[in-house]
C-alpha atoms as a PDB file:
ATOM      1  CA  MET A   1       0.012   0.043   0.066  1.00  0.00           C
ATOM      2  CA  PRO A   2       1.227   3.603  -0.640  1.00  0.00           C
ATOM      3  CA  HIS A   3       2.430   5.297   2.443  1.00  0.00           C
ATOM      4  CA  THR A   4       3.570   8.938   3.017  1.00  0.00           C
ATOM      5  CA  PHE A   5       7.161   9.031   4.356  1.00  0.00           C
ATOM      6  CA  THR A   6       8.242  12.318   5.900  1.00  0.00           C
ATOM      7  CA  VAL A   7      11.953  13.325   5.580  1.00  0.00           C
ATOM      8  CA  ASN A   8      13.441  14.136   9.015  1.00  0.00           C
ATOM      9  CA  ALA A   9      14.875  17.505   7.864  1.00  0.00           C
ATOM     10  CA  ASP A  10      11.382  18.504   6.643  1.00  0.00           C
ATOM     11  CA  MET A  11       9.853  17.560  10.029  1.00  0.00           C
ATOM     12  CA  ALA A  12      12.490  19.612  11.905  1.00  0.00           C
ATOM     13  CA  ARG A  13      12.017  22.575   9.614  1.00  0.00           C
ATOM     14  CA  ALA A  14       8.231  22.395  10.086  1.00  0.00           C
ATOM     15  CA  LEU A  15       8.490  22.137  13.856  1.00  0.00           C
ATOM     16  CA  VAL A  16      10.851  25.194  14.044  1.00  0.00           C
ATOM     17  CA  THR A  17       8.553  27.148  11.727  1.00  0.00           C
ATOM     18  CA  LEU A  18       5.395  26.295  13.501  1.00  0.00           C
ATOM     19  CA  ALA A  19       6.783  26.881  16.929  1.00  0.00           C
ATOM     20  CA  SER A  20       7.716  30.409  15.986  1.00  0.00           C
ATOM     21  CA  ASP A  21       4.433  31.360  14.329  1.00  0.00           C
ATOM     22  CA  ASP A  22       1.356  32.314  16.337  1.00  0.00           C
ATOM     23  CA  ARG A  23      -0.876  31.114  13.397  1.00  0.00           C
ATOM     24  CA  ALA A  24       0.152  27.547  14.244  1.00  0.00           C
ATOM     25  CA  TRP A  25      -1.006  27.455  17.775  1.00  0.00           C
ATOM     26  CA  GLY A  26      -4.111  25.457  18.803  1.00  0.00           C
ATOM     27  CA  ARG A  27      -4.453  22.991  15.959  1.00  0.00           C
ATOM     28  CA  PRO A  28      -2.605  20.175  14.266  1.00  0.00           C
ATOM     29  CA  TRP A  29      -0.584  20.749  11.090  1.00  0.00           C
ATOM     30  CA  HIS A  30       0.767  17.954   8.727  1.00  0.00           C
ATOM     31  CA  VAL A  31       4.355  18.242   7.456  1.00  0.00           C
ATOM     32  CA  PRO A  32       4.693  18.570   3.717  1.00  0.00           C
ATOM     33  CA  SER A  33       6.031  15.229   2.532  1.00  0.00           C
ATOM     34  CA  PRO A  34       6.914  13.605  -0.850  1.00  0.00           C
ATOM     35  CA  PRO A  35       4.145  11.654  -2.549  1.00  0.00           C
ATOM     36  CA  ALA A  36       3.283   8.356  -0.955  1.00  0.00           C
ATOM     37  CA  VAL A  37       5.112   5.205  -2.235  1.00  0.00           C
ATOM     38  CA  THR A  38       5.052   1.514  -1.161  1.00  0.00           C
ATOM     39  CA  ILE A  39       7.593   0.222   1.108  1.00  0.00           C
ATOM     40  CA  ARG A  40       8.882  -2.033  -1.785  1.00  0.00           C
ATOM     41  CA  GLU A  41       9.251   1.112  -3.926  1.00  0.00           C
ATOM     42  CA  LEU A  42      11.164   2.856  -1.114  1.00  0.00           C
ATOM     43  CA  ALA A  43      13.481  -0.099  -0.641  1.00  0.00           C
ATOM     44  CA  ARG A  44      14.042  -0.163  -4.317  1.00  0.00           C
ATOM     45  CA  ARG A  45      15.049   3.493  -4.386  1.00  0.00           C
ATOM     46  CA  TYR A  46      17.492   2.909  -1.490  1.00  0.00           C
ATOM     47  CA  ALA A  47      18.975  -0.023  -3.388  1.00  0.00           C
ATOM     48  CA  VAL A  48      19.583   1.981  -6.491  1.00  0.00           C
ATOM     49  CA  ALA A  49      21.051   4.911  -4.531  1.00  0.00           C
ATOM     50  CA  ALA A  50      23.463   2.474  -2.889  1.00  0.00           C
ATOM     51  CA  GLY A  51      24.325   0.778  -6.182  1.00  0.00           C
ATOM     52  CA  ARG A  52      23.090  -2.557  -4.741  1.00  0.00           C
ATOM     53  CA  PRO A  53      20.744  -5.216  -5.994  1.00  0.00           C
ATOM     54  CA  PRO A  54      17.236  -4.794  -4.681  1.00  0.00           C
ATOM     55  CA  ILE A  55      16.314  -6.876  -1.569  1.00  0.00           C
ATOM     56  CA  THR A  56      13.314  -9.182  -1.440  1.00  0.00           C
ATOM     57  CA  LEU A  57      10.710  -8.080   0.980  1.00  0.00           C
ATOM     58  CA  ILE A  58       8.170 -10.600   2.426  1.00  0.00           C
ATOM     59  CA  GLN A  59       4.855  -9.832   4.169  1.00  0.00           C
ATOM     60  CA  LEU A  60       4.324 -11.410   7.529  1.00  0.00           C
ATOM     61  CA  PRO A  61       0.804 -12.402   8.454  1.00  0.00           C
ATOM     62  CA  ARG A  62      -0.612  -9.983  10.939  1.00  0.00           C
ATOM     63  CA  PHE A  63      -0.915 -12.699  13.647  1.00  0.00           C
ATOM     64  CA  VAL A  64       2.936 -13.164  13.535  1.00  0.00           C
ATOM     65  CA  MET A  65       3.574  -9.691  14.894  1.00  0.00           C
ATOM     66  CA  ARG A  66       0.643  -9.788  17.296  1.00  0.00           C
ATOM     67  CA  THR A  67       1.905 -13.094  18.690  1.00  0.00           C
ATOM     68  CA  ALA A  68       5.499 -11.939  18.904  1.00  0.00           C
ATOM     69  CA  GLY A  69       4.118  -8.746  20.660  1.00  0.00           C
ATOM     70  CA  LEU A  70       3.167 -10.953  23.668  1.00  0.00           C
ATOM     71  CA  VAL A  71       6.888 -11.069  24.594  1.00  0.00           C
ATOM     72  CA  VAL A  72       8.665  -8.600  22.441  1.00  0.00           C
ATOM     73  CA  PRO A  73       7.769  -4.995  23.104  1.00  0.00           C
ATOM     74  CA  ILE A  74       8.816  -3.585  19.763  1.00  0.00           C
ATOM     75  CA  ALA A  75       6.819  -6.204  17.999  1.00  0.00           C
ATOM     76  CA  ARG A  76       3.816  -5.035  20.081  1.00  0.00           C
ATOM     77  CA  GLU A  77       4.305  -1.460  19.041  1.00  0.00           C
ATOM     78  CA  MET A  78       4.645  -2.386  15.404  1.00  0.00           C
ATOM     79  CA  ALA A  79       1.481  -4.613  15.546  1.00  0.00           C
ATOM     80  CA  GLU A  80      -0.339  -1.582  17.112  1.00  0.00           C
ATOM     81  CA  MET A  81       0.601   0.577  14.119  1.00  0.00           C
ATOM     82  CA  ASP A  82       0.145  -2.084  11.453  1.00  0.00           C
ATOM     83  CA  TYR A  83      -3.029  -0.498  10.101  1.00  0.00           C
ATOM     84  CA  GLN A  84      -0.797   2.010   8.190  1.00  0.00           C
ATOM     85  CA  TRP A  85       0.425  -0.876   6.016  1.00  0.00           C
ATOM     86  CA  TYR A  86      -2.918  -2.437   5.065  1.00  0.00           C
ATOM     87  CA  ALA A  87      -4.566   0.571   3.513  1.00  0.00           C
ATOM     88  CA  PRO A  88      -3.218   3.647   1.613  1.00  0.00           C
ATOM     89  CA  PHE A  89      -1.687   5.984   4.259  1.00  0.00           C
ATOM     90  CA  HIS A  90      -1.602   9.457   2.757  1.00  0.00           C
ATOM     91  CA  MET A  91      -0.794  12.723   4.562  1.00  0.00           C
ATOM     92  CA  GLU A  92      -2.377  15.976   3.172  1.00  0.00           C
ATOM     93  CA  ALA A  93      -0.287  19.010   4.019  1.00  0.00           C
ATOM     94  CA  THR A  94      -1.411  21.577   1.309  1.00  0.00           C
ATOM     95  CA  GLU A  95      -2.662  24.014   4.047  1.00  0.00           C
ATOM     96  CA  THR A  96       0.588  23.753   5.944  1.00  0.00           C
ATOM     97  CA  ALA A  97       2.687  24.301   2.751  1.00  0.00           C
ATOM     98  CA  GLU A  98       0.549  27.285   1.713  1.00  0.00           C
ATOM     99  CA  THR A  99       0.314  28.954   5.190  1.00  0.00           C
ATOM    100  CA  PHE A 100       3.948  28.672   6.110  1.00  0.00           C
ATOM    101  CA  HIS A 101       5.685  28.396   2.696  1.00  0.00           C
ATOM    102  CA  LEU A 102       7.057  24.997   3.564  1.00  0.00           C
ATOM    103  CA  THR A 103       7.921  22.443   0.747  1.00  0.00           C
ATOM    104  CA  ALA A 104       8.834  18.670   0.837  1.00  0.00           C
ATOM    105  CA  THR A 105      12.207  17.522   0.001  1.00  0.00           C
ATOM    106  CA  ASP A 106      12.139  15.193  -3.161  1.00  0.00           C
ATOM    107  CA  LEU A 107      12.239  11.644  -2.023  1.00  0.00           C
ATOM    108  CA  ASP A 108      15.090  10.552  -4.155  1.00  0.00           C
ATOM    109  CA  THR A 109      17.176  13.532  -2.995  1.00  0.00           C
ATOM    110  CA  ALA A 110      16.550  12.479   0.684  1.00  0.00           C
ATOM    111  CA  VAL A 111      17.415   8.891  -0.167  1.00  0.00           C
ATOM    112  CA  ARG A 112      20.614   9.853  -1.875  1.00  0.00           C
ATOM    113  CA  ALA A 113      21.561  12.106   1.048  1.00  0.00           C
ATOM    114  CA  GLU A 114      20.958   9.198   3.586  1.00  0.00           C
ATOM    115  CA  VAL A 115      22.944   6.682   1.467  1.00  0.00           C
ATOM    116  CA  GLY A 116      25.750   8.932   0.529  1.00  0.00           C
END
């Protein structure tokens, strides 16, 4: 499923901008982020940027993480958030972008910066 991934630098820039602007107070704002991609597409982009062959991703049945979560705290946390991976998870930040003049970093630019 497509998922919106937010670049850390974009998140930091938004937090600093919103914290210093009175218009931001009293309501939530979404951070401008690149268009949603699947986790497989994101992994492919990282492999390309690293000059490596793509990795094979497998999907675990939901009950596996839920069962593991009985004894492994991080598995419990992942199972709690797994709804984000079984339906499209898109963030809409047009209002934030227009109000505060924030833009999202291109996903491939962010991936290359992290790999480089």
